[in-house]
Amino acid sequence: MKALVYHGPGQKSVDERPKPTILEPGDAVVKILKTTICGTDLHILKGDVPTCTPGRILGHEGVGVVEAVGSAVRAFKPGDHVIISCISACGTCDYCRRGMYSHCRHGGWILGNKIDGTQAEYVRTPHADTSLYHVPPGTEEEALVMLSDILPTGFECGVLNGKVEPGSTVAIVGAGPIGLAALLTAQFYSPAEIIMIDLDDNRLEVAARFGATSTINNADGKAVEKVMALTHGRGVDTAIEAVGVPATFVTCEDIIAPGGTIANVGVHGVKADLHLEKLWDRNIAITTRLVDTVTTPMLLKTVQSKKLEPKLLITHRFRLDQILDAYETFGAAARTHALKVLIEA
């Protein structure tokens, strides 16, 4: 089968690889119909994720059809149309019982990281009963690919960890796909203001269409000053970091109001400064999280009811044999205006 393979920092190629087989009783092999590229894949290619070693098939998102199941799988059978979760959860370990599927002792974020992933014609999914979701009849596949990772990540790591509340003021630093997913789902809680900060005018225009009340281009380095002006010098109740670089984390520190919450979502490959000399007395909470996907069933219902339209995040479409072009398009988003790129296997 064809697959996108990571060969070390800055190196990738489309290779022929053996089709996966059932290795454990709880496994399923899924034929991929549609997948996508995540910002985390770009972090892997930069060398920011040392757990992902050369030779790995990348990708942790997708929709497909079950090809085969292990002897212990009860909830799925060959022919079932499924969403593949980016998190593989055994459902029985101490972390899973606490809802922390991302830290599952027998899974977690392993797809496209510690085991081969979804940017291929087929993928082996461990713990299938608790790591796959049935696709409801009549639901758009393209929208459902966004439920593998991006929507639960923006919601859980940004909105829930950030304690967004009715009437609160929220700033999202980074208007990429994750930041926009946080923007879409923050509106479940009716915050009074959602301020979007980025360097890309196109993404800020998209954010305004998606519901941002204010947008700020920080190309001039004055985002903090502008946020303070918008909030009458107070700052924001929730600052969501959705980029994963030191400067954006510091921006969150600079704009948070007393009693506020900084919710980090971005994948950080290098250290970021924590200015406790400014924050020590301000009752600030700082949260970190890897998506657990515990909210995926709820988000699936909101997509079914048309309360949430994740398909709006898709800007480009490719075939699997064009995946190198898809990576180039996604990686050059400032030039191509890419948000999520959809890849059809």
C-alpha atoms as a PDB file:
ATOM      1  CA  MET A   1       0.000   0.000   0.000  1.00  0.00           C
ATOM      2  CA  LYS A   2       1.022   3.647  -0.432  1.00  0.00           C
ATOM      3  CA  ALA A   3       1.903   5.578   2.726  1.00  0.00           C
ATOM      4  CA  LEU A   4       3.497   8.880   3.768  1.00  0.00           C
ATOM      5  CA  VAL A   5       6.620   7.928   5.733  1.00  0.00           C
ATOM      6  CA  TYR A   6       8.709  10.105   8.068  1.00  0.00           C
ATOM      7  CA  HIS A   7      12.467   9.613   7.596  1.00  0.00           C
ATOM      8  CA  GLY A   8      13.819  12.076  10.154  1.00  0.00           C
ATOM      9  CA  PRO A   9      13.639  15.860  10.585  1.00  0.00           C
ATOM     10  CA  GLY A  10      12.724  17.524   7.297  1.00  0.00           C
ATOM     11  CA  GLN A  11      12.488  14.218   5.410  1.00  0.00           C
ATOM     12  CA  LYS A  12       9.391  12.406   4.177  1.00  0.00           C
ATOM     13  CA  SER A  13       8.334  10.394   1.136  1.00  0.00           C
ATOM     14  CA  VAL A  14       5.495   8.328  -0.293  1.00  0.00           C
ATOM     15  CA  ASP A  15       6.592   4.714   0.027  1.00  0.00           C
ATOM     16  CA  GLU A  16       5.194   1.256  -0.606  1.00  0.00           C
ATOM     17  CA  ARG A  17       4.562  -0.452   2.736  1.00  0.00           C
ATOM     18  CA  PRO A  18       2.939  -3.764   3.702  1.00  0.00           C
ATOM     19  CA  LYS A  19      -0.764  -3.651   4.443  1.00  0.00           C
ATOM     20  CA  PRO A  20      -1.280  -3.826   8.237  1.00  0.00           C
ATOM     21  CA  THR A  21      -2.681  -6.955   9.862  1.00  0.00           C
ATOM     22  CA  ILE A  22      -4.382  -7.785  13.155  1.00  0.00           C
ATOM     23  CA  LEU A  23      -1.701  -8.087  15.868  1.00  0.00           C
ATOM     24  CA  GLU A  24      -3.793  -8.031  19.059  1.00  0.00           C
ATOM     25  CA  PRO A  25      -7.341  -9.285  19.790  1.00  0.00           C
ATOM     26  CA  GLY A  26      -8.628  -5.717  20.238  1.00  0.00           C
ATOM     27  CA  ASP A  27      -7.285  -4.440  16.899  1.00  0.00           C
ATOM     28  CA  ALA A  28      -9.155  -3.356  13.804  1.00  0.00           C
ATOM     29  CA  VAL A  29      -7.729  -2.783  10.341  1.00  0.00           C
ATOM     30  CA  VAL A  30      -9.458   0.133   8.624  1.00  0.00           C
ATOM     31  CA  LYS A  31      -9.386   1.045   4.954  1.00  0.00           C
ATOM     32  CA  ILE A  32      -8.861   4.805   4.863  1.00  0.00           C
ATOM     33  CA  LEU A  33     -11.358   6.830   2.848  1.00  0.00           C
ATOM     34  CA  LYS A  34     -10.313  10.324   3.941  1.00  0.00           C
ATOM     35  CA  THR A  35      -7.546  11.685   6.130  1.00  0.00           C
ATOM     36  CA  THR A  36      -5.835  15.017   6.732  1.00  0.00           C
ATOM     37  CA  ILE A  37      -2.630  16.688   7.927  1.00  0.00           C
ATOM     38  CA  CYS A  38      -2.319  18.146  11.419  1.00  0.00           C
ATOM     39  CA  GLY A  39      -0.047  20.883  12.699  1.00  0.00           C
ATOM     40  CA  THR A  40       1.424  18.200  14.938  1.00  0.00           C
ATOM     41  CA  ASP A  41       2.647  16.404  11.810  1.00  0.00           C
ATOM     42  CA  LEU A  42       4.594  19.550  10.933  1.00  0.00           C
ATOM     43  CA  HIS A  43       6.061  19.573  14.455  1.00  0.00           C
ATOM     44  CA  ILE A  44       7.156  15.951  13.926  1.00  0.00           C
ATOM     45  CA  LEU A  45       8.852  16.914  10.669  1.00  0.00           C
ATOM     46  CA  LYS A  46      10.692  19.701  12.503  1.00  0.00           C
ATOM     47  CA  GLY A  47      12.009  17.156  15.010  1.00  0.00           C
ATOM     48  CA  ASP A  48       9.888  18.473  17.884  1.00  0.00           C
ATOM     49  CA  VAL A  49       8.374  15.056  18.769  1.00  0.00           C
ATOM     50  CA  PRO A  50      11.205  12.655  19.679  1.00  0.00           C
ATOM     51  CA  THR A  51       8.802   9.748  20.323  1.00  0.00           C
ATOM     52  CA  CYS A  52       8.159   9.610  16.568  1.00  0.00           C
ATOM     53  CA  THR A  53      11.108   7.807  15.019  1.00  0.00           C
ATOM     54  CA  PRO A  54      12.232   7.536  11.381  1.00  0.00           C
ATOM     55  CA  GLY A  55      10.306   4.981   9.362  1.00  0.00           C
ATOM     56  CA  ARG A  56       6.947   5.867  10.893  1.00  0.00           C
ATOM     57  CA  ILE A  57       3.820   6.330   8.757  1.00  0.00           C
ATOM     58  CA  LEU A  58       2.391   9.685   9.845  1.00  0.00           C
ATOM     59  CA  GLY A  59      -1.223  10.728  10.459  1.00  0.00           C
ATOM     60  CA  HIS A  60      -3.704  10.308  13.300  1.00  0.00           C
ATOM     61  CA  GLU A  61      -7.014  11.429  11.772  1.00  0.00           C
ATOM     62  CA  GLY A  62      -9.416   9.854   9.346  1.00  0.00           C
ATOM     63  CA  VAL A  63     -12.653   8.221   8.303  1.00  0.00           C
ATOM     64  CA  GLY A  64     -12.750   4.742   6.807  1.00  0.00           C
ATOM     65  CA  VAL A  65     -14.366   1.336   6.513  1.00  0.00           C
ATOM     66  CA  VAL A  66     -13.473  -1.556   8.816  1.00  0.00           C
ATOM     67  CA  GLU A  67     -11.650  -4.272   6.879  1.00  0.00           C
ATOM     68  CA  ALA A  68     -10.968  -6.768   9.668  1.00  0.00           C
ATOM     69  CA  VAL A  69     -11.310  -7.018  13.449  1.00  0.00           C
ATOM     70  CA  GLY A  70      -9.592  -9.003  16.184  1.00  0.00           C
ATOM     71  CA  SER A  71     -11.318 -11.713  18.212  1.00  0.00           C
ATOM     72  CA  ALA A  72     -12.003  -9.377  21.170  1.00  0.00           C
ATOM     73  CA  VAL A  73     -13.712  -6.598  19.181  1.00  0.00           C
ATOM     74  CA  ARG A  74     -17.436  -6.456  19.908  1.00  0.00           C
ATOM     75  CA  ALA A  75     -18.680  -3.031  18.801  1.00  0.00           C
ATOM     76  CA  PHE A  76     -17.459  -3.109  15.196  1.00  0.00           C
ATOM     77  CA  LYS A  77     -17.467  -5.527  12.285  1.00  0.00           C
ATOM     78  CA  PRO A  78     -16.085  -5.555   8.732  1.00  0.00           C
ATOM     79  CA  GLY A  79     -17.950  -3.090   6.536  1.00  0.00           C
ATOM     80  CA  ASP A  80     -18.698  -0.598   9.320  1.00  0.00           C
ATOM     81  CA  HIS A  81     -18.124   3.062   8.434  1.00  0.00           C
ATOM     82  CA  VAL A  82     -16.037   4.635  11.233  1.00  0.00           C
ATOM     83  CA  ILE A  83     -14.301   7.740  12.544  1.00  0.00           C
ATOM     84  CA  ILE A  84     -10.762   6.990  13.732  1.00  0.00           C
ATOM     85  CA  SER A  85      -9.900   8.784  16.971  1.00  0.00           C
ATOM     86  CA  CYS A  86      -6.450  10.336  17.226  1.00  0.00           C
ATOM     87  CA  ILE A  87      -6.273   8.819  20.728  1.00  0.00           C
ATOM     88  CA  SER A  88      -6.228   5.053  21.270  1.00  0.00           C
ATOM     89  CA  ALA A  89      -7.780   4.188  24.637  1.00  0.00           C
ATOM     90  CA  CYS A  90      -7.937   0.774  26.311  1.00  0.00           C
ATOM     91  CA  GLY A  91     -10.825   2.004  28.483  1.00  0.00           C
ATOM     92  CA  THR A  92      -9.762  -0.010  31.551  1.00  0.00           C
ATOM     93  CA  CYS A  93      -6.473   1.393  32.910  1.00  0.00           C
ATOM     94  CA  ASP A  94      -6.417   3.923  35.767  1.00  0.00           C
ATOM     95  CA  TYR A  95      -5.960   6.889  33.428  1.00  0.00           C
ATOM     96  CA  CYS A  96      -8.806   5.814  31.133  1.00  0.00           C
ATOM     97  CA  ARG A  97     -11.104   5.381  34.133  1.00  0.00           C
ATOM     98  CA  ARG A  98     -10.345   9.020  35.015  1.00  0.00           C
ATOM     99  CA  GLY A  99     -11.215  10.121  31.473  1.00  0.00           C
ATOM    100  CA  MET A 100      -7.548  10.823  30.652  1.00  0.00           C
ATOM    101  CA  TYR A 101      -7.461   8.695  27.516  1.00  0.00           C
ATOM    102  CA  SER A 102      -4.474  10.629  26.200  1.00  0.00           C
ATOM    103  CA  HIS A 103      -2.406   9.036  28.986  1.00  0.00           C
ATOM    104  CA  CYS A 104      -3.787   5.524  28.545  1.00  0.00           C
ATOM    105  CA  ARG A 105      -1.149   3.089  29.782  1.00  0.00           C
ATOM    106  CA  HIS A 106      -1.667   0.921  26.707  1.00  0.00           C
ATOM    107  CA  GLY A 107      -2.405   3.583  24.102  1.00  0.00           C
ATOM    108  CA  GLY A 108      -2.766   7.355  24.145  1.00  0.00           C
ATOM    109  CA  TRP A 109      -1.472   9.347  21.201  1.00  0.00           C
ATOM    110  CA  ILE A 110       0.294   6.507  19.441  1.00  0.00           C
ATOM    111  CA  LEU A 111      -1.157   6.655  15.892  1.00  0.00           C
ATOM    112  CA  GLY A 112       1.329   8.342  13.591  1.00  0.00           C
ATOM    113  CA  ASN A 113       3.650   8.745  16.558  1.00  0.00           C
ATOM    114  CA  LYS A 114       4.644   5.453  18.183  1.00  0.00           C
ATOM    115  CA  ILE A 115       2.844   3.190  15.695  1.00  0.00           C
ATOM    116  CA  ASP A 116       1.989   3.637  12.014  1.00  0.00           C
ATOM    117  CA  GLY A 117      -0.760   6.126  11.289  1.00  0.00           C
ATOM    118  CA  THR A 118      -3.545   7.076   8.931  1.00  0.00           C
ATOM    119  CA  GLN A 119      -1.798   8.793   6.006  1.00  0.00           C
ATOM    120  CA  ALA A 120      -1.928   5.518   4.105  1.00  0.00           C
ATOM    121  CA  GLU A 121      -4.394   3.247   2.350  1.00  0.00           C
ATOM    122  CA  TYR A 122      -4.948   1.193   5.520  1.00  0.00           C
ATOM    123  CA  VAL A 123      -4.282   1.590   9.242  1.00  0.00           C
ATOM    124  CA  ARG A 124      -4.265  -0.765  12.222  1.00  0.00           C
ATOM    125  CA  THR A 125      -6.188   0.752  15.129  1.00  0.00           C
ATOM    126  CA  PRO A 126      -5.572  -0.733  18.596  1.00  0.00           C
ATOM    127  CA  HIS A 127      -8.388  -0.880  21.182  1.00  0.00           C
ATOM    128  CA  ALA A 128     -10.953  -0.565  18.411  1.00  0.00           C
ATOM    129  CA  ASP A 129     -14.026  -0.787  20.663  1.00  0.00           C
ATOM    130  CA  THR A 130     -13.000   2.375  22.530  1.00  0.00           C
ATOM    131  CA  SER A 131     -11.046   4.166  19.793  1.00  0.00           C
ATOM    132  CA  LEU A 132     -13.440   4.111  16.825  1.00  0.00           C
ATOM    133  CA  TYR A 133     -16.847   5.754  16.388  1.00  0.00           C
ATOM    134  CA  HIS A 134     -19.670   4.669  14.115  1.00  0.00           C
ATOM    135  CA  VAL A 135     -20.469   7.144  11.325  1.00  0.00           C
ATOM    136  CA  PRO A 136     -24.191   8.003  11.511  1.00  0.00           C
ATOM    137  CA  PRO A 137     -26.034   7.426   8.220  1.00  0.00           C
ATOM    138  CA  GLY A 138     -26.268  10.525   6.056  1.00  0.00           C
ATOM    139  CA  THR A 139     -23.468  12.426   7.819  1.00  0.00           C
ATOM    140  CA  GLU A 140     -20.787  14.035   5.633  1.00  0.00           C
ATOM    141  CA  GLU A 141     -17.443  12.232   5.759  1.00  0.00           C
ATOM    142  CA  GLU A 142     -15.472  15.409   5.201  1.00  0.00           C
ATOM    143  CA  ALA A 143     -16.953  17.027   8.289  1.00  0.00           C
ATOM    144  CA  LEU A 144     -16.340  13.928  10.373  1.00  0.00           C
ATOM    145  CA  VAL A 145     -12.606  13.859   9.643  1.00  0.00           C
ATOM    146  CA  MET A 146     -12.450  17.026  11.757  1.00  0.00           C
ATOM    147  CA  LEU A 147     -13.789  15.013  14.718  1.00  0.00           C
ATOM    148  CA  SER A 148     -10.718  12.749  14.829  1.00  0.00           C
ATOM    149  CA  ASP A 149      -8.591  15.443  16.457  1.00  0.00           C
ATOM    150  CA  ILE A 150      -8.987  19.118  15.651  1.00  0.00           C
ATOM    151  CA  LEU A 151     -12.450  19.814  17.100  1.00  0.00           C
ATOM    152  CA  PRO A 152     -12.033  17.867  20.354  1.00  0.00           C
ATOM    153  CA  THR A 153      -8.547  19.377  20.740  1.00  0.00           C
ATOM    154  CA  GLY A 154      -9.739  22.957  20.344  1.00  0.00           C
ATOM    155  CA  PHE A 155     -12.705  22.286  22.616  1.00  0.00           C
ATOM    156  CA  GLU A 156     -11.098  20.239  25.374  1.00  0.00           C
ATOM    157  CA  CYS A 157      -7.633  21.796  25.556  1.00  0.00           C
ATOM    158  CA  GLY A 158      -8.743  25.356  24.792  1.00  0.00           C
ATOM    159  CA  VAL A 159     -12.371  25.956  25.705  1.00  0.00           C
ATOM    160  CA  LEU A 160     -12.899  23.523  28.597  1.00  0.00           C
ATOM    161  CA  ASN A 161      -9.440  23.919  30.109  1.00  0.00           C
ATOM    162  CA  GLY A 162      -9.739  27.671  29.585  1.00  0.00           C
ATOM    163  CA  LYS A 163     -12.980  27.767  31.597  1.00  0.00           C
ATOM    164  CA  VAL A 164     -14.849  29.817  28.995  1.00  0.00           C
ATOM    165  CA  GLU A 165     -18.111  31.062  30.504  1.00  0.00           C
ATOM    166  CA  PRO A 166     -21.145  33.107  29.419  1.00  0.00           C
ATOM    167  CA  GLY A 167     -20.231  36.773  29.283  1.00  0.00           C
ATOM    168  CA  SER A 168     -16.490  36.173  29.563  1.00  0.00           C
ATOM    169  CA  THR A 169     -13.770  37.673  27.390  1.00  0.00           C
ATOM    170  CA  VAL A 170     -11.638  35.235  25.410  1.00  0.00           C
ATOM    171  CA  ALA A 171      -8.497  35.752  23.334  1.00  0.00           C
ATOM    172  CA  ILE A 172      -7.252  33.024  21.006  1.00  0.00           C
ATOM    173  CA  VAL A 173      -3.634  33.475  19.971  1.00  0.00           C
ATOM    174  CA  GLY A 174      -3.279  31.703  16.639  1.00  0.00           C
ATOM    175  CA  ALA A 175      -5.973  31.578  13.954  1.00  0.00           C
ATOM    176  CA  GLY A 176      -4.851  28.306  12.413  1.00  0.00           C
ATOM    177  CA  PRO A 177      -7.112  25.239  12.335  1.00  0.00           C
ATOM    178  CA  ILE A 178      -6.829  24.540  16.077  1.00  0.00           C
ATOM    179  CA  GLY A 179      -7.436  28.165  17.006  1.00  0.00           C
ATOM    180  CA  LEU A 180     -10.458  28.263  14.688  1.00  0.00           C
ATOM    181  CA  ALA A 181     -11.769  25.014  16.202  1.00  0.00           C
ATOM    182  CA  ALA A 182     -11.509  26.665  19.626  1.00  0.00           C
ATOM    183  CA  LEU A 183     -13.324  29.699  18.231  1.00  0.00           C
ATOM    184  CA  LEU A 184     -16.192  27.589  16.850  1.00  0.00           C
ATOM    185  CA  THR A 185     -16.661  25.602  20.050  1.00  0.00           C
ATOM    186  CA  ALA A 186     -16.154  28.527  22.464  1.00  0.00           C
ATOM    187  CA  GLN A 187     -19.415  29.896  21.139  1.00  0.00           C
ATOM    188  CA  PHE A 188     -21.257  27.022  22.858  1.00  0.00           C
ATOM    189  CA  TYR A 189     -20.779  29.078  26.058  1.00  0.00           C
ATOM    190  CA  SER A 190     -21.759  32.534  24.748  1.00  0.00           C
ATOM    191  CA  PRO A 191     -18.684  34.546  25.747  1.00  0.00           C
ATOM    192  CA  ALA A 192     -19.187  38.305  25.385  1.00  0.00           C
ATOM    193  CA  GLU A 193     -16.011  38.767  23.347  1.00  0.00           C
ATOM    194  CA  ILE A 194     -13.733  36.489  21.352  1.00  0.00           C
ATOM    195  CA  ILE A 195     -10.562  38.241  20.202  1.00  0.00           C
ATOM    196  CA  MET A 196      -8.517  36.450  17.548  1.00  0.00           C
ATOM    197  CA  ILE A 197      -4.784  37.222  17.176  1.00  0.00           C
ATOM    198  CA  ASP A 198      -2.605  36.114  14.263  1.00  0.00           C
ATOM    199  CA  LEU A 199      -0.109  37.369  11.671  1.00  0.00           C
ATOM    200  CA  ASP A 200      -2.202  36.336   8.651  1.00  0.00           C
ATOM    201  CA  ASP A 201      -4.980  38.639   7.438  1.00  0.00           C
ATOM    202  CA  ASN A 202      -6.675  35.824   5.520  1.00  0.00           C
ATOM    203  CA  ARG A 203      -6.985  33.664   8.622  1.00  0.00           C
ATOM    204  CA  LEU A 204      -8.257  36.640  10.592  1.00  0.00           C
ATOM    205  CA  GLU A 205     -10.923  37.237   7.931  1.00  0.00           C
ATOM    206  CA  VAL A 206     -11.974  33.598   8.295  1.00  0.00           C
ATOM    207  CA  ALA A 207     -12.071  34.040  12.079  1.00  0.00           C
ATOM    208  CA  ALA A 208     -14.365  37.038  11.703  1.00  0.00           C
ATOM    209  CA  ARG A 209     -16.715  34.954   9.521  1.00  0.00           C
ATOM    210  CA  PHE A 210     -16.632  32.165  12.115  1.00  0.00           C
ATOM    211  CA  GLY A 211     -17.731  34.464  14.934  1.00  0.00           C
ATOM    212  CA  ALA A 212     -14.738  36.378  16.325  1.00  0.00           C
ATOM    213  CA  THR A 213     -15.893  39.734  17.707  1.00  0.00           C
ATOM    214  CA  SER A 214     -12.472  41.367  17.118  1.00  0.00           C
ATOM    215  CA  THR A 215      -9.363  40.412  15.133  1.00  0.00           C
ATOM    216  CA  ILE A 216      -5.809  41.659  15.638  1.00  0.00           C
ATOM    217  CA  ASN A 217      -2.880  41.274  13.260  1.00  0.00           C
ATOM    218  CA  ASN A 218       0.245  41.228  15.425  1.00  0.00           C
ATOM    219  CA  ALA A 219       2.664  41.943  12.562  1.00  0.00           C
ATOM    220  CA  ASP A 220       3.401  45.278  14.245  1.00  0.00           C
ATOM    221  CA  GLY A 221       4.006  43.627  17.625  1.00  0.00           C
ATOM    222  CA  LYS A 222       1.235  45.632  19.295  1.00  0.00           C
ATOM    223  CA  ALA A 223      -1.280  42.881  19.998  1.00  0.00           C
ATOM    224  CA  VAL A 224      -0.948  43.226  23.775  1.00  0.00           C
ATOM    225  CA  GLU A 225      -1.544  46.973  23.604  1.00  0.00           C
ATOM    226  CA  LYS A 226      -4.592  46.457  21.359  1.00  0.00           C
ATOM    227  CA  VAL A 227      -6.097  43.766  23.586  1.00  0.00           C
ATOM    228  CA  MET A 228      -5.707  46.034  26.601  1.00  0.00           C
ATOM    229  CA  ALA A 229      -7.434  48.841  24.722  1.00  0.00           C
ATOM    230  CA  LEU A 230     -10.323  46.522  23.773  1.00  0.00           C
ATOM    231  CA  THR A 231     -10.704  45.366  27.391  1.00  0.00           C
ATOM    232  CA  HIS A 232     -10.284  48.826  28.974  1.00  0.00           C
ATOM    233  CA  GLY A 233      -6.947  47.846  30.495  1.00  0.00           C
ATOM    234  CA  ARG A 234      -8.260  44.735  32.236  1.00  0.00           C
ATOM    235  CA  GLY A 235      -7.109  41.900  29.989  1.00  0.00           C
ATOM    236  CA  VAL A 236      -9.000  38.719  29.082  1.00  0.00           C
ATOM    237  CA  ASP A 237     -10.563  36.036  31.255  1.00  0.00           C
ATOM    238  CA  THR A 238      -9.295  33.241  29.018  1.00  0.00           C
ATOM    239  CA  ALA A 239      -6.200  33.260  26.808  1.00  0.00           C
ATOM    240  CA  ILE A 240      -5.879  30.228  24.530  1.00  0.00           C
ATOM    241  CA  GLU A 241      -2.398  29.575  23.108  1.00  0.00           C
ATOM    242  CA  ALA A 242      -2.908  27.788  19.794  1.00  0.00           C
ATOM    243  CA  VAL A 243       0.468  28.067  18.050  1.00  0.00           C
ATOM    244  CA  GLY A 244       3.199  26.417  20.119  1.00  0.00           C
ATOM    245  CA  VAL A 245       6.030  28.971  20.001  1.00  0.00           C
ATOM    246  CA  PRO A 246       7.527  30.959  22.906  1.00  0.00           C
ATOM    247  CA  ALA A 247       6.336  34.374  21.699  1.00  0.00           C
ATOM    248  CA  THR A 248       2.653  33.403  21.599  1.00  0.00           C
ATOM    249  CA  PHE A 249       2.774  31.914  25.088  1.00  0.00           C
ATOM    250  CA  VAL A 250       4.304  35.134  26.412  1.00  0.00           C
ATOM    251  CA  THR A 251       1.534  37.089  24.651  1.00  0.00           C
ATOM    252  CA  CYS A 252      -0.998  35.048  26.635  1.00  0.00           C
ATOM    253  CA  GLU A 253       0.842  35.917  29.852  1.00  0.00           C
ATOM    254  CA  ASP A 254       0.762  39.601  28.951  1.00  0.00           C
ATOM    255  CA  ILE A 255      -2.977  39.798  28.200  1.00  0.00           C
ATOM    256  CA  ILE A 256      -4.480  37.651  30.951  1.00  0.00           C
ATOM    257  CA  ALA A 257      -6.649  39.431  33.513  1.00  0.00           C
ATOM    258  CA  PRO A 258      -6.435  38.800  37.267  1.00  0.00           C
ATOM    259  CA  GLY A 259      -8.218  35.542  38.042  1.00  0.00           C
ATOM    260  CA  GLY A 260      -7.937  34.412  34.437  1.00  0.00           C
ATOM    261  CA  THR A 261      -6.860  31.152  32.809  1.00  0.00           C
ATOM    262  CA  ILE A 262      -4.155  30.560  30.221  1.00  0.00           C
ATOM    263  CA  ALA A 263      -4.994  27.382  28.297  1.00  0.00           C
ATOM    264  CA  ASN A 264      -2.042  26.050  26.337  1.00  0.00           C
ATOM    265  CA  VAL A 265      -2.972  24.005  23.262  1.00  0.00           C
ATOM    266  CA  GLY A 266       0.108  24.424  21.054  1.00  0.00           C
ATOM    267  CA  VAL A 267       2.856  21.800  20.762  1.00  0.00           C
ATOM    268  CA  HIS A 268       6.033  23.407  22.113  1.00  0.00           C
ATOM    269  CA  GLY A 269       9.339  22.165  20.756  1.00  0.00           C
ATOM    270  CA  VAL A 270      11.514  24.599  22.729  1.00  0.00           C
ATOM    271  CA  LYS A 271      11.258  26.256  26.136  1.00  0.00           C
ATOM    272  CA  ALA A 272       8.971  29.233  26.697  1.00  0.00           C
ATOM    273  CA  ASP A 273       9.444  31.866  29.384  1.00  0.00           C
ATOM    274  CA  LEU A 274       7.155  31.855  32.399  1.00  0.00           C
ATOM    275  CA  HIS A 275       7.125  35.363  33.856  1.00  0.00           C
ATOM    276  CA  LEU A 276       6.231  34.609  37.443  1.00  0.00           C
ATOM    277  CA  GLU A 277       7.622  37.993  38.438  1.00  0.00           C
ATOM    278  CA  LYS A 278       4.503  39.419  36.760  1.00  0.00           C
ATOM    279  CA  LEU A 279       2.006  36.659  37.492  1.00  0.00           C
ATOM    280  CA  TRP A 280       2.745  35.444  41.011  1.00  0.00           C
ATOM    281  CA  ASP A 281       0.086  37.622  42.680  1.00  0.00           C
ATOM    282  CA  ARG A 282      -2.609  37.658  39.990  1.00  0.00           C
ATOM    283  CA  ASN A 283      -4.548  34.443  40.716  1.00  0.00           C
ATOM    284  CA  ILE A 284      -3.675  33.048  37.294  1.00  0.00           C
ATOM    285  CA  ALA A 285      -4.253  29.409  36.317  1.00  0.00           C
ATOM    286  CA  ILE A 286      -2.135  27.876  33.546  1.00  0.00           C
ATOM    287  CA  THR A 287      -3.406  24.633  32.027  1.00  0.00           C
ATOM    288  CA  THR A 288      -1.801  22.092  29.715  1.00  0.00           C
ATOM    289  CA  ARG A 289      -3.458  19.121  28.089  1.00  0.00           C
ATOM    290  CA  LEU A 290      -3.290  16.567  25.336  1.00  0.00           C
ATOM    291  CA  VAL A 291      -6.696  15.911  23.836  1.00  0.00           C
ATOM    292  CA  ASP A 292      -8.545  13.004  25.450  1.00  0.00           C
ATOM    293  CA  THR A 293     -11.405  12.879  22.881  1.00  0.00           C
ATOM    294  CA  VAL A 294     -13.923  12.345  25.693  1.00  0.00           C
ATOM    295  CA  THR A 295     -16.133  14.980  24.025  1.00  0.00           C
ATOM    296  CA  THR A 296     -16.182  13.345  20.580  1.00  0.00           C
ATOM    297  CA  PRO A 297     -19.673  11.784  21.018  1.00  0.00           C
ATOM    298  CA  MET A 298     -21.108  15.160  22.039  1.00  0.00           C
ATOM    299  CA  LEU A 299     -19.395  16.958  19.169  1.00  0.00           C
ATOM    300  CA  LEU A 300     -20.682  14.316  16.762  1.00  0.00           C
ATOM    301  CA  LYS A 301     -24.230  15.128  17.876  1.00  0.00           C
ATOM    302  CA  THR A 302     -23.659  18.853  17.307  1.00  0.00           C
ATOM    303  CA  VAL A 303     -22.419  18.100  13.778  1.00  0.00           C
ATOM    304  CA  GLN A 304     -25.450  15.895  13.107  1.00  0.00           C
ATOM    305  CA  SER A 305     -27.805  18.644  14.279  1.00  0.00           C
ATOM    306  CA  LYS A 306     -25.999  21.285  12.150  1.00  0.00           C
ATOM    307  CA  LYS A 307     -25.073  23.298  15.255  1.00  0.00           C
ATOM    308  CA  LEU A 308     -21.460  22.923  14.227  1.00  0.00           C
ATOM    309  CA  GLU A 309     -20.133  22.873  10.658  1.00  0.00           C
ATOM    310  CA  PRO A 310     -16.512  21.687  10.736  1.00  0.00           C
ATOM    311  CA  LYS A 311     -16.474  21.262   6.960  1.00  0.00           C
ATOM    312  CA  LEU A 312     -15.954  25.039   6.835  1.00  0.00           C
ATOM    313  CA  LEU A 313     -12.368  24.435   7.964  1.00  0.00           C
ATOM    314  CA  ILE A 314     -11.487  22.499   4.782  1.00  0.00           C
ATOM    315  CA  THR A 315      -9.868  24.639   2.102  1.00  0.00           C
ATOM    316  CA  HIS A 316      -7.989  22.168  -0.145  1.00  0.00           C
ATOM    317  CA  ARG A 317      -8.524  18.610  -1.353  1.00  0.00           C
ATOM    318  CA  PHE A 318      -5.970  16.081  -2.627  1.00  0.00           C
ATOM    319  CA  ARG A 319      -5.630  12.401  -3.467  1.00  0.00           C
ATOM    320  CA  LEU A 320      -3.273  10.213  -1.437  1.00  0.00           C
ATOM    321  CA  ASP A 321      -0.800  10.115  -4.316  1.00  0.00           C
ATOM    322  CA  GLN A 322      -0.683  13.935  -4.095  1.00  0.00           C
ATOM    323  CA  ILE A 323       0.071  14.004  -0.363  1.00  0.00           C
ATOM    324  CA  LEU A 324       3.496  15.626  -0.814  1.00  0.00           C
ATOM    325  CA  ASP A 325       1.735  18.498  -2.590  1.00  0.00           C
ATOM    326  CA  ALA A 326      -0.763  18.566   0.277  1.00  0.00           C
ATOM    327  CA  TYR A 327       2.079  18.930   2.797  1.00  0.00           C
ATOM    328  CA  GLU A 328       3.623  21.731   0.758  1.00  0.00           C
ATOM    329  CA  THR A 329       0.253  23.505   0.585  1.00  0.00           C
ATOM    330  CA  PHE A 330      -0.458  23.044   4.295  1.00  0.00           C
ATOM    331  CA  GLY A 331       3.051  24.080   5.339  1.00  0.00           C
ATOM    332  CA  ALA A 332       2.900  27.273   3.255  1.00  0.00           C
ATOM    333  CA  ALA A 333      -0.468  28.402   4.594  1.00  0.00           C
ATOM    334  CA  ALA A 334       0.419  32.102   4.536  1.00  0.00           C
ATOM    335  CA  ARG A 335       0.843  31.838   0.749  1.00  0.00           C
ATOM    336  CA  THR A 336      -1.800  29.190  -0.054  1.00  0.00           C
ATOM    337  CA  HIS A 337      -4.444  30.286   2.488  1.00  0.00           C
ATOM    338  CA  ALA A 338      -4.740  26.642   3.593  1.00  0.00           C
ATOM    339  CA  LEU A 339      -6.594  25.688   6.743  1.00  0.00           C
ATOM    340  CA  LYS A 340      -7.336  21.954   6.694  1.00  0.00           C
ATOM    341  CA  VAL A 341      -6.355  19.906   3.659  1.00  0.00           C
ATOM    342  CA  LEU A 342      -8.430  16.822   2.948  1.00  0.00           C
ATOM    343  CA  ILE A 343      -6.740  13.753   1.460  1.00  0.00           C
ATOM    344  CA  GLU A 344      -8.771  11.033  -0.238  1.00  0.00           C
ATOM    345  CA  ALA A 345      -7.171   7.599  -0.203  1.00  0.00           C
END
